[in-house]
Amino acid sequence: MKKTILTLLALVPFCAIAQTTYDEGTSFGARATVEADAKVANGLHILAHEEARYYTNGEDILRFYTGVGLEYKVLPFLKVGAEYELINRYKYDEDLLANTWSVRRRGNFFLTGTWKTPWWQFGVKETLRLTHRPDDFNAFQAPRNALALKSKVSVKYRGWENVIPYAAFELRNTLNDAAYSGTYNASAEKNKDKYTNEKFLGYTHAYVNRYRLQLGVTVKFNKHHELDFYLLGDHYRDKEIDTNREGSSSYEKNDLVLKSIDWYTGNMISAGIGYKWSF
């Protein structure tokens, strides 16, 4: 694992936080999705899906996404929608030293715009995402209700009747990650002496943590059934904070409130298949 030491100035004047970046390289995954799209009124649709994801690297091994939502066409080129998702994660637990199941609950609120020509279709989609953690965890390392904004642009070729190739690019922005200020002393021999004047600033850190490129092709058998085949390329940048649970400068088992802030970057390549039933 390649390690680069970066020293950055924090937003608080005269306070510097040392941060370490780890390059995790490239890993691989797979996805499978089943969707249903039911028209219940003019412009109003009920949406449902079940998705499974498999990972070959990282703490997660499997994830299952179960979702249901509504979408409404307010204009010929504009749709709005909302969706609830239940997420089950099978992952490695560092405290239990074993693989366990955990749950997340998520709300997605999205706005989709499209522009069509005889040969092409262009799309823009903005999604505001709120993910709730119901489990017991250190709230000075991450928020219980994480906010993210996903911005996606796409293009589809419509020149072939039943085969539609497409490409899409997406940015994902973390909006409310935990933030700290403090002074870092690189010459200190012990971890408990490396930070002074550390302070929890709340959930105020916003940054881009995903860049995604998707290439695929949709095969329409008729107006009710279609299959989607695609490749996803993700470049991720995740932050990990190590603190104690007090949120003060007190000690617990000789641990300081702030011990480290690490960044993990890498690439994930996933192959996916999806089936959609519209009625």
Protein backbone atom coordinates (compact mmCIF):
# COMPACT_ATOMS: atom_id res chain seq x y z
CA MET A 1 0.00 0.00 0.00
CA LYS A 2 1.43 3.28 -1.11
CA LYS A 3 1.40 6.06 1.50
CA THR A 4 1.84 9.78 0.93
CA ILE A 5 2.02 12.24 3.80
CA LEU A 6 0.16 15.47 3.16
CA THR A 7 0.15 18.46 5.53
CA LEU A 8 -2.83 20.77 4.92
CA LEU A 9 -3.95 24.05 6.43
CA ALA A 10 -7.37 23.79 8.03
CA LEU A 11 -10.02 26.48 7.67
CA VAL A 12 -9.47 27.64 11.27
CA PRO A 13 -6.64 30.22 11.34
CA PHE A 14 -3.25 29.03 12.58
CA CYS A 15 -4.46 25.43 13.06
CA ALA A 16 -3.03 22.67 10.88
CA ILE A 17 -4.22 19.06 10.66
CA ALA A 18 -1.88 16.44 9.20
CA GLN A 19 -3.63 14.00 6.90
CA THR A 20 -2.42 10.74 5.35
CA THR A 21 -3.53 9.38 1.97
CA TYR A 22 -3.50 5.65 1.20
CA ASP A 23 -3.77 4.37 -2.37
CA GLU A 24 -5.82 1.14 -2.35
CA GLY A 25 -5.32 0.42 -6.05
CA THR A 26 -8.04 -1.14 -8.22
CA SER A 27 -10.69 -3.63 -7.09
CA PHE A 28 -13.63 -5.30 -8.81
CA GLY A 29 -17.31 -5.92 -8.17
CA ALA A 30 -20.60 -7.05 -9.68
CA ARG A 31 -24.21 -5.80 -9.56
CA ALA A 32 -27.62 -7.27 -10.42
CA THR A 33 -30.90 -5.33 -10.33
CA VAL A 34 -34.61 -6.07 -10.82
CA GLU A 35 -36.92 -3.06 -11.28
CA ALA A 36 -40.65 -2.49 -11.66
CA ASP A 37 -42.25 0.68 -13.06
CA ALA A 38 -46.04 0.93 -12.71
CA LYS A 39 -48.05 3.78 -14.25
CA VAL A 40 -50.93 4.60 -11.89
CA ALA A 41 -52.08 7.93 -13.37
CA ASN A 42 -51.17 10.35 -16.13
CA GLY A 43 -47.53 11.23 -15.42
CA LEU A 44 -47.44 9.40 -12.06
CA HIS A 45 -45.44 6.19 -11.62
CA ILE A 46 -44.71 3.86 -8.69
CA LEU A 47 -41.13 2.54 -8.72
CA ALA A 48 -39.66 -0.48 -6.94
CA HIS A 49 -36.30 -2.24 -7.13
CA GLU A 50 -34.09 -4.89 -5.57
CA GLU A 51 -30.32 -4.71 -6.12
CA ALA A 52 -27.43 -6.95 -5.02
CA ARG A 53 -23.80 -5.78 -5.03
CA TYR A 54 -20.69 -7.90 -4.55
CA TYR A 55 -17.26 -6.48 -3.65
CA THR A 56 -13.79 -8.04 -3.84
CA ASN A 57 -12.00 -5.39 -1.77
CA GLY A 58 -12.73 -3.30 1.31
CA GLU A 59 -14.72 -4.09 4.45
CA ASP A 60 -18.02 -4.70 2.61
CA ILE A 61 -18.62 -8.08 0.96
CA LEU A 62 -22.31 -7.93 -0.01
CA ARG A 63 -24.99 -5.25 -0.09
CA PHE A 64 -28.71 -5.56 -0.79
CA TYR A 65 -30.80 -2.50 -1.68
CA THR A 66 -34.62 -2.69 -1.44
CA GLY A 67 -36.39 0.44 -2.64
CA VAL A 68 -39.84 1.87 -3.37
CA GLY A 69 -40.73 5.34 -4.60
CA LEU A 70 -42.85 7.72 -6.66
CA GLU A 71 -42.00 9.71 -9.79
CA TYR A 72 -44.12 12.44 -11.41
CA LYS A 73 -43.70 14.17 -14.76
CA VAL A 74 -44.41 17.85 -14.10
CA LEU A 75 -43.37 18.95 -17.61
CA PRO A 76 -42.67 17.02 -20.83
CA PHE A 77 -38.94 17.37 -20.12
CA LEU A 78 -38.92 17.37 -16.28
CA LYS A 79 -39.63 14.71 -13.61
CA VAL A 80 -39.50 14.86 -9.81
CA GLY A 81 -39.42 11.90 -7.46
CA ALA A 82 -38.73 10.48 -4.01
CA GLU A 83 -37.62 7.01 -2.90
CA TYR A 84 -37.06 5.03 0.29
CA GLU A 85 -34.31 2.38 0.43
CA LEU A 86 -33.47 -0.27 3.02
CA ILE A 87 -29.80 -1.30 2.79
CA ASN A 88 -28.45 -4.54 4.28
CA ARG A 89 -24.65 -4.74 4.41
CA TYR A 90 -22.62 -7.88 5.03
CA LYS A 91 -19.23 -6.62 6.18
CA TYR A 92 -16.23 -7.17 8.38
CA ASP A 93 -16.61 -5.79 11.91
CA GLU A 94 -13.27 -4.68 13.36
CA ASP A 95 -14.61 -4.80 16.94
CA LEU A 96 -16.08 -8.31 16.67
CA LEU A 97 -13.34 -9.54 14.30
CA ALA A 98 -16.03 -11.29 12.25
CA ASN A 99 -18.36 -10.76 9.29
CA THR A 100 -21.74 -9.34 10.38
CA TRP A 101 -24.91 -7.78 8.96
CA SER A 102 -25.72 -4.09 9.43
CA VAL A 103 -28.58 -1.86 8.27
CA ARG A 104 -28.86 1.60 6.71
CA ARG A 105 -32.04 3.52 5.85
CA ARG A 106 -31.98 5.98 2.98
CA GLY A 107 -34.15 8.63 1.38
CA ASN A 108 -33.52 9.84 -2.18
CA PHE A 109 -35.08 12.99 -3.62
CA PHE A 110 -34.40 13.55 -7.31
CA LEU A 111 -35.00 15.90 -10.22
CA THR A 112 -34.54 14.63 -13.81
CA GLY A 113 -34.40 16.67 -17.01
CA THR A 114 -34.28 15.26 -20.56
CA TRP A 115 -33.82 16.68 -24.05
CA LYS A 116 -34.58 14.51 -27.08
CA THR A 117 -33.62 14.73 -30.74
CA PRO A 118 -34.45 12.18 -33.47
CA TRP A 119 -31.13 10.37 -32.85
CA TRP A 120 -30.05 11.33 -29.32
CA GLN A 121 -31.36 11.79 -25.80
CA PHE A 122 -29.51 13.93 -23.25
CA GLY A 123 -30.24 13.81 -19.52
CA VAL A 124 -29.37 15.59 -16.28
CA LYS A 125 -30.27 14.18 -12.86
CA GLU A 126 -29.73 15.73 -9.42
CA THR A 127 -30.26 13.51 -6.37
CA LEU A 128 -30.22 14.63 -2.74
CA ARG A 129 -29.55 11.59 -0.54
CA LEU A 130 -29.97 11.17 3.21
CA THR A 131 -28.60 7.97 4.78
CA HIS A 132 -29.48 7.13 8.40
CA ARG A 133 -27.34 4.86 10.64
CA PRO A 134 -29.46 3.25 13.39
CA ASP A 135 -26.55 1.31 14.96
CA ASP A 136 -24.24 2.27 17.80
CA PHE A 137 -21.14 4.10 16.51
CA ASN A 138 -18.79 6.96 17.35
CA ALA A 139 -20.68 10.13 16.35
CA PHE A 140 -17.46 12.17 16.50
CA GLN A 141 -16.16 10.23 13.49
CA ALA A 142 -19.20 10.37 11.20
CA PRO A 143 -22.75 11.80 11.19
CA ARG A 144 -25.75 9.66 12.00
CA ASN A 145 -27.61 11.23 9.07
CA ALA A 146 -25.23 11.61 6.15
CA LEU A 147 -26.15 13.97 3.31
CA ALA A 148 -24.86 13.63 -0.24
CA LEU A 149 -25.62 15.29 -3.57
CA LYS A 150 -25.25 13.28 -6.79
CA SER A 151 -24.99 15.09 -10.13
CA LYS A 152 -25.31 12.96 -13.27
CA VAL A 153 -25.23 13.72 -16.99
CA SER A 154 -26.04 11.09 -19.63
CA VAL A 155 -26.37 10.60 -23.37
CA LYS A 156 -28.23 7.84 -25.26
CA TYR A 157 -28.15 6.94 -28.94
CA ARG A 158 -31.70 6.42 -30.31
CA GLY A 159 -30.86 5.49 -33.91
CA TRP A 160 -31.49 1.78 -33.39
CA GLU A 161 -35.02 0.70 -32.58
CA ASN A 162 -34.55 -1.78 -29.72
CA VAL A 163 -30.85 -1.44 -28.81
CA ILE A 164 -29.87 1.78 -26.99
CA PRO A 165 -26.19 2.35 -26.15
CA TYR A 166 -25.49 5.03 -23.56
CA ALA A 167 -22.82 6.75 -21.47
CA ALA A 168 -23.12 8.61 -18.17
CA PHE A 169 -20.83 10.56 -15.83
CA GLU A 170 -21.61 11.28 -12.18
CA LEU A 171 -20.11 13.23 -9.28
CA ARG A 172 -21.05 12.47 -5.68
CA ASN A 173 -20.56 15.19 -3.07
CA THR A 174 -20.44 14.50 0.66
CA LEU A 175 -22.16 17.47 2.31
CA ASN A 176 -21.83 17.02 6.10
CA ASP A 177 -18.82 14.96 7.14
CA ALA A 178 -17.16 15.45 10.53
CA ALA A 179 -14.58 18.27 10.71
CA TYR A 180 -11.75 19.04 13.14
CA SER A 181 -9.17 21.71 13.75
CA GLY A 182 -5.93 21.29 15.66
CA THR A 183 -2.16 21.61 15.57
CA TYR A 184 -0.06 18.64 14.47
CA ASN A 185 3.42 17.94 15.81
CA ALA A 186 5.15 15.51 13.45
CA SER A 187 8.18 15.14 15.72
CA ALA A 188 6.17 13.78 18.66
CA GLU A 189 7.07 10.16 19.46
CA LYS A 190 3.65 9.06 20.80
CA ASN A 191 0.26 9.37 19.10
CA LYS A 192 -1.27 10.99 22.17
CA ASP A 193 1.24 13.85 21.87
CA LYS A 194 0.92 14.48 18.12
CA TYR A 195 -2.18 16.74 18.31
CA THR A 196 -2.79 19.80 20.48
CA ASN A 197 -5.68 22.29 20.60
CA GLU A 198 -7.87 19.79 18.76
CA LYS A 199 -11.52 20.80 18.37
CA PHE A 200 -14.59 19.13 16.86
CA LEU A 201 -16.17 21.61 14.42
CA GLY A 202 -19.38 19.68 13.78
CA TYR A 203 -20.55 18.15 10.52
CA THR A 204 -19.31 20.92 8.25
CA HIS A 205 -16.88 19.24 5.85
CA ALA A 206 -18.09 19.01 2.22
CA TYR A 207 -16.06 17.45 -0.61
CA VAL A 208 -16.34 15.34 -3.76
CA ASN A 209 -15.80 11.66 -2.88
CA ARG A 210 -16.90 9.82 -6.07
CA TYR A 211 -16.23 10.19 -9.79
CA ARG A 212 -18.19 7.63 -11.83
CA LEU A 213 -18.24 6.69 -15.53
CA GLN A 214 -20.87 4.25 -16.81
CA LEU A 215 -20.99 2.65 -20.26
CA GLY A 216 -23.85 0.37 -21.20
CA VAL A 217 -26.49 -0.83 -23.60
CA THR A 218 -30.23 -1.31 -23.04
CA VAL A 219 -32.06 -4.01 -25.01
CA LYS A 220 -35.82 -3.46 -25.29
CA PHE A 221 -37.79 -6.63 -26.09
CA ASN A 222 -41.11 -4.74 -26.10
CA LYS A 223 -42.73 -1.86 -24.19
CA HIS A 224 -42.92 -3.97 -21.00
CA HIS A 225 -39.54 -5.77 -20.75
CA GLU A 226 -35.92 -4.65 -21.10
CA LEU A 227 -32.42 -5.73 -20.09
CA ASP A 228 -29.51 -3.44 -19.24
CA PHE A 229 -25.82 -4.43 -19.49
CA TYR A 230 -23.17 -2.02 -18.24
CA LEU A 231 -19.69 -1.36 -16.86
CA LEU A 232 -19.08 1.07 -13.99
CA GLY A 233 -15.78 2.77 -13.26
CA ASP A 234 -15.59 4.50 -9.86
CA HIS A 235 -12.76 6.61 -8.48
CA TYR A 236 -13.37 7.06 -4.75
CA ARG A 237 -11.89 9.26 -2.04
CA ASP A 238 -13.09 8.35 1.46
CA LYS A 239 -12.14 9.98 4.77
CA GLU A 240 -11.60 8.02 8.01
CA ILE A 241 -11.27 9.75 11.39
CA ASP A 242 -9.94 8.07 14.54
CA THR A 243 -11.15 9.69 17.79
CA ASN A 244 -12.48 8.68 21.16
CA ARG A 245 -16.19 9.04 21.99
CA GLU A 246 -16.00 11.97 24.44
CA GLY A 247 -15.65 14.81 21.97
CA SER A 248 -13.37 16.69 24.35
CA SER A 249 -9.67 16.84 25.09
CA SER A 250 -10.03 14.30 27.88
CA TYR A 251 -8.37 10.90 27.82
CA GLU A 252 -9.93 7.47 27.70
CA LYS A 253 -7.45 4.63 27.95
CA ASN A 254 -4.73 7.11 26.97
CA ASP A 255 -6.49 7.93 23.66
CA LEU A 256 -6.65 11.57 22.61
CA VAL A 257 -9.87 12.92 21.11
CA LEU A 258 -8.16 13.15 17.71
CA LYS A 259 -5.54 10.56 16.75
CA SER A 260 -5.61 10.56 12.96
CA ILE A 261 -7.41 11.67 9.80
CA ASP A 262 -6.76 9.33 6.87
CA TRP A 263 -7.89 9.37 3.24
CA TYR A 264 -8.39 6.21 1.20
CA THR A 265 -8.42 6.51 -2.59
CA GLY A 266 -8.74 3.89 -5.29
CA ASN A 267 -10.71 2.60 -8.24
CA MET A 268 -13.60 0.15 -8.43
CA ILE A 269 -14.62 -1.53 -11.69
CA SER A 270 -18.02 -3.27 -11.67
CA ALA A 271 -19.98 -5.24 -14.25
CA GLY A 272 -23.75 -5.06 -13.99
CA ILE A 273 -26.97 -6.45 -15.39
CA GLY A 274 -30.49 -5.19 -14.80
CA TYR A 275 -34.03 -6.23 -15.72
CA LYS A 276 -36.93 -3.75 -15.86
CA TRP A 277 -40.66 -4.53 -16.08
CA SER A 278 -42.92 -1.62 -17.04
CA PHE A 279 -46.68 -1.84 -16.89
